[in-house]
Amino acid sequence: MKYFEKRKLIKYLSNLENNHFPDGYLETHKKRIDCLKWLLASYEGRAGNPKELLEAMLNPLKTINSKRDSDWINILYYWINYKKIVGF
């Protein structure tokens, strides 16, 4: 199952890199693209568990002094629960 999830991320990122978008589009979605690259790294064993990261971001005691990143939370939530890429 993880192979298909990894393949889906690779395909999505490849489409983002190879298609032409209006000027500034990819820059406005930089945080979301970084999150997708981080998810891919987690499948390759180069990053942590996405579920643990989402739990840490949603834990109010751990994030009092740091800014919550709603873009990452949104992408992680839908990816973990539904294997969907949202926000683009």
N, C-alpha and C. Protein backbone atom coordinates (compact mmCIF):
# COMPACT_ATOMS: atom_id res chain seq x y z
N MET A 1 0.82 -1.19 0.00
CA MET A 1 0.00 0.00 0.00
C MET A 1 0.87 1.26 0.00
N LYS A 2 1.95 1.25 0.77
CA LYS A 2 2.80 2.43 0.83
C LYS A 2 3.43 2.74 -0.52
N TYR A 3 3.67 1.70 -1.32
CA TYR A 3 4.24 1.91 -2.65
C TYR A 3 3.32 2.76 -3.51
N PHE A 4 2.01 2.46 -3.46
CA PHE A 4 1.05 3.21 -4.26
C PHE A 4 0.90 4.65 -3.75
N GLU A 5 0.98 4.83 -2.45
CA GLU A 5 0.91 6.17 -1.88
C GLU A 5 2.13 6.99 -2.31
N LYS A 6 3.30 6.37 -2.25
CA LYS A 6 4.53 7.04 -2.65
C LYS A 6 4.45 7.40 -4.13
N ARG A 7 3.97 6.47 -4.94
CA ARG A 7 3.85 6.71 -6.38
C ARG A 7 2.90 7.87 -6.68
N LYS A 8 1.82 7.95 -5.91
CA LYS A 8 0.85 9.03 -6.09
C LYS A 8 1.50 10.38 -5.80
N LEU A 9 2.29 10.46 -4.73
CA LEU A 9 3.00 11.70 -4.40
C LEU A 9 4.01 12.07 -5.48
N ILE A 10 4.77 11.09 -5.96
CA ILE A 10 5.76 11.34 -7.00
C ILE A 10 5.08 11.87 -8.26
N LYS A 11 3.98 11.26 -8.64
CA LYS A 11 3.25 11.68 -9.84
C LYS A 11 2.73 13.11 -9.68
N TYR A 12 2.17 13.40 -8.52
CA TYR A 12 1.61 14.73 -8.28
C TYR A 12 2.71 15.80 -8.32
N LEU A 13 3.82 15.55 -7.64
CA LEU A 13 4.93 16.50 -7.65
C LEU A 13 5.52 16.66 -9.05
N SER A 14 5.60 15.58 -9.79
CA SER A 14 6.11 15.64 -11.16
C SER A 14 5.20 16.50 -12.03
N ASN A 15 3.90 16.35 -11.86
CA ASN A 15 2.96 17.18 -12.62
C ASN A 15 3.11 18.65 -12.27
N LEU A 16 3.33 18.94 -11.00
CA LEU A 16 3.53 20.34 -10.60
C LEU A 16 4.79 20.92 -11.24
N GLU A 17 5.84 20.13 -11.30
CA GLU A 17 7.11 20.62 -11.83
C GLU A 17 7.11 20.72 -13.34
N ASN A 18 6.36 19.87 -14.02
CA ASN A 18 6.44 19.80 -15.48
C ASN A 18 5.36 20.60 -16.20
N ASN A 19 4.31 21.00 -15.52
CA ASN A 19 3.24 21.76 -16.16
C ASN A 19 3.50 23.26 -16.05
N HIS A 20 2.90 23.99 -16.94
CA HIS A 20 3.05 25.45 -16.92
C HIS A 20 1.89 26.05 -16.14
N PHE A 21 2.22 26.87 -15.17
CA PHE A 21 1.23 27.55 -14.35
C PHE A 21 1.42 29.05 -14.51
N PRO A 22 0.40 29.84 -14.18
CA PRO A 22 0.57 31.30 -14.22
C PRO A 22 1.70 31.74 -13.29
N ASP A 23 2.31 32.86 -13.64
CA ASP A 23 3.40 33.40 -12.82
C ASP A 23 2.95 33.56 -11.37
N GLY A 24 3.77 33.07 -10.47
CA GLY A 24 3.50 33.21 -9.04
C GLY A 24 2.67 32.10 -8.44
N TYR A 25 2.11 31.21 -9.25
CA TYR A 25 1.24 30.16 -8.72
C TYR A 25 2.02 29.21 -7.80
N LEU A 26 3.14 28.70 -8.29
CA LEU A 26 3.91 27.76 -7.47
C LEU A 26 4.49 28.44 -6.24
N GLU A 27 4.83 29.72 -6.36
CA GLU A 27 5.37 30.45 -5.21
C GLU A 27 4.31 30.59 -4.11
N THR A 28 3.06 30.81 -4.51
CA THR A 28 2.00 30.94 -3.50
C THR A 28 1.68 29.62 -2.82
N HIS A 29 2.04 28.52 -3.46
CA HIS A 29 1.77 27.19 -2.90
C HIS A 29 3.06 26.53 -2.39
N LYS A 30 4.10 27.32 -2.15
CA LYS A 30 5.39 26.77 -1.74
C LYS A 30 5.29 25.92 -0.47
N LYS A 31 4.55 26.40 0.53
CA LYS A 31 4.42 25.63 1.78
C LYS A 31 3.78 24.27 1.52
N ARG A 32 2.76 24.26 0.69
CA ARG A 32 2.07 23.00 0.39
C ARG A 32 2.98 22.05 -0.39
N ILE A 33 3.74 22.60 -1.32
CA ILE A 33 4.68 21.77 -2.09
C ILE A 33 5.75 21.21 -1.17
N ASP A 34 6.26 22.03 -0.26
CA ASP A 34 7.25 21.56 0.72
C ASP A 34 6.68 20.43 1.57
N CYS A 35 5.40 20.53 1.93
CA CYS A 35 4.77 19.47 2.72
C CYS A 35 4.70 18.18 1.92
N LEU A 36 4.35 18.27 0.63
CA LEU A 36 4.29 17.08 -0.21
C LEU A 36 5.68 16.45 -0.35
N LYS A 37 6.71 17.28 -0.49
CA LYS A 37 8.08 16.76 -0.57
C LYS A 37 8.47 16.09 0.74
N TRP A 38 8.03 16.66 1.87
CA TRP A 38 8.30 16.06 3.17
C TRP A 38 7.58 14.72 3.29
N LEU A 39 6.34 14.64 2.82
CA LEU A 39 5.61 13.37 2.85
C LEU A 39 6.34 12.32 2.03
N LEU A 40 6.82 12.70 0.86
CA LEU A 40 7.57 11.77 0.02
C LEU A 40 8.82 11.31 0.76
N ALA A 41 9.51 12.22 1.40
CA ALA A 41 10.71 11.85 2.18
C ALA A 41 10.36 10.89 3.31
N SER A 42 9.18 11.04 3.89
CA SER A 42 8.79 10.13 4.97
C SER A 42 8.58 8.71 4.43
N TYR A 43 8.08 8.58 3.20
CA TYR A 43 7.92 7.26 2.60
C TYR A 43 9.26 6.65 2.21
N GLU A 44 10.24 7.50 1.99
CA GLU A 44 11.58 7.03 1.64
C GLU A 44 12.44 6.82 2.88
N GLY A 45 11.90 7.07 4.06
CA GLY A 45 12.64 6.86 5.30
C GLY A 45 13.57 8.01 5.67
N ARG A 46 13.42 9.16 5.03
CA ARG A 46 14.29 10.31 5.31
C ARG A 46 13.63 11.32 6.23
N ALA A 47 12.38 11.07 6.62
CA ALA A 47 11.66 12.00 7.50
C ALA A 47 10.78 11.18 8.44
N GLY A 48 10.19 11.87 9.41
CA GLY A 48 9.41 11.19 10.44
C GLY A 48 8.04 10.73 9.96
N ASN A 49 7.27 10.27 10.92
CA ASN A 49 5.94 9.75 10.67
C ASN A 49 4.96 10.92 10.51
N PRO A 50 4.21 10.97 9.39
CA PRO A 50 3.27 12.07 9.17
C PRO A 50 2.19 12.17 10.25
N LYS A 51 1.75 11.03 10.74
CA LYS A 51 0.70 11.03 11.77
C LYS A 51 1.21 11.67 13.06
N GLU A 52 2.44 11.37 13.43
CA GLU A 52 3.03 11.96 14.64
C GLU A 52 3.22 13.46 14.47
N LEU A 53 3.63 13.89 13.28
CA LEU A 53 3.80 15.32 13.03
C LEU A 53 2.46 16.05 13.13
N LEU A 54 1.43 15.47 12.54
CA LEU A 54 0.11 16.09 12.61
C LEU A 54 -0.36 16.19 14.05
N GLU A 55 -0.19 15.13 14.83
CA GLU A 55 -0.58 15.15 16.24
C GLU A 55 0.17 16.23 17.00
N ALA A 56 1.46 16.37 16.72
CA ALA A 56 2.25 17.40 17.40
C ALA A 56 1.78 18.79 17.01
N MET A 57 1.44 18.98 15.74
CA MET A 57 0.97 20.30 15.29
C MET A 57 -0.39 20.65 15.89
N LEU A 58 -1.19 19.65 16.16
CA LEU A 58 -2.52 19.90 16.71
C LEU A 58 -2.54 19.96 18.23
N ASN A 59 -1.46 19.55 18.87
CA ASN A 59 -1.38 19.54 20.32
C ASN A 59 -1.13 20.97 20.81
N PRO A 60 -2.10 21.56 21.50
CA PRO A 60 -1.94 22.96 21.93
C PRO A 60 -0.80 23.17 22.93
N LEU A 61 -0.45 22.16 23.70
CA LEU A 61 0.62 22.32 24.68
C LEU A 61 1.99 22.39 24.01
N LYS A 62 2.14 21.70 22.90
CA LYS A 62 3.44 21.68 22.21
C LYS A 62 3.60 22.82 21.24
N THR A 63 2.51 23.47 20.87
CA THR A 63 2.61 24.51 19.84
C THR A 63 2.31 25.90 20.37
N ILE A 64 2.35 26.09 21.69
CA ILE A 64 2.05 27.40 22.27
C ILE A 64 3.03 28.45 21.75
N ASN A 65 4.31 28.12 21.72
CA ASN A 65 5.31 29.11 21.33
C ASN A 65 5.64 29.09 19.84
N SER A 66 5.08 28.15 19.12
CA SER A 66 5.36 28.11 17.69
C SER A 66 4.07 28.30 16.89
N LYS A 67 4.23 28.86 15.73
CA LYS A 67 3.07 29.13 14.89
C LYS A 67 2.57 27.83 14.26
N ARG A 68 1.28 27.62 14.31
CA ARG A 68 0.70 26.46 13.64
C ARG A 68 0.62 26.75 12.15
N ASP A 69 1.02 25.81 11.36
CA ASP A 69 1.00 25.99 9.91
C ASP A 69 -0.25 25.31 9.35
N SER A 70 -1.26 26.10 9.06
CA SER A 70 -2.54 25.55 8.62
C SER A 70 -2.42 24.84 7.27
N ASP A 71 -1.50 25.27 6.40
CA ASP A 71 -1.32 24.59 5.13
C ASP A 71 -0.85 23.15 5.35
N TRP A 72 0.14 22.98 6.21
CA TRP A 72 0.65 21.64 6.49
C TRP A 72 -0.41 20.80 7.20
N ILE A 73 -1.09 21.38 8.16
CA ILE A 73 -2.12 20.64 8.90
C ILE A 73 -3.20 20.14 7.94
N ASN A 74 -3.63 21.00 7.04
CA ASN A 74 -4.67 20.64 6.08
C ASN A 74 -4.22 19.49 5.19
N ILE A 75 -3.02 19.61 4.62
CA ILE A 75 -2.52 18.55 3.73
C ILE A 75 -2.30 17.25 4.49
N LEU A 76 -1.67 17.31 5.65
CA LEU A 76 -1.42 16.10 6.43
C LEU A 76 -2.72 15.41 6.82
N TYR A 77 -3.70 16.19 7.27
CA TYR A 77 -4.97 15.61 7.69
C TYR A 77 -5.64 14.82 6.56
N TYR A 78 -5.77 15.46 5.39
CA TYR A 78 -6.44 14.79 4.28
C TYR A 78 -5.61 13.64 3.72
N TRP A 79 -4.28 13.75 3.77
CA TRP A 79 -3.46 12.66 3.27
C TRP A 79 -3.54 11.46 4.21
N ILE A 80 -3.42 11.67 5.50
CA ILE A 80 -3.45 10.58 6.47
C ILE A 80 -4.80 9.88 6.48
N ASN A 81 -5.86 10.66 6.46
CA ASN A 81 -7.20 10.07 6.60
C ASN A 81 -7.84 9.63 5.29
N TYR A 82 -7.54 10.30 4.19
CA TYR A 82 -8.24 10.01 2.94
C TYR A 82 -7.32 9.73 1.75
N LYS A 83 -6.00 9.88 1.93
CA LYS A 83 -5.02 9.72 0.85
C LYS A 83 -5.35 10.65 -0.32
N LYS A 84 -5.80 11.86 0.02
CA LYS A 84 -6.10 12.89 -0.98
C LYS A 84 -5.13 14.04 -0.80
N ILE A 85 -4.80 14.65 -1.92
CA ILE A 85 -3.96 15.85 -1.91
C ILE A 85 -4.89 17.03 -2.13
N VAL A 86 -4.93 17.93 -1.16
CA VAL A 86 -5.84 19.07 -1.23
C VAL A 86 -5.07 20.37 -1.07
N GLY A 87 -5.71 21.47 -1.44
CA GLY A 87 -5.13 22.78 -1.20
C GLY A 87 -4.52 23.45 -2.41
N PHE A 88 -4.61 22.82 -3.57
CA PHE A 88 -4.01 23.40 -4.78
C PHE A 88 -5.10 23.86 -5.72
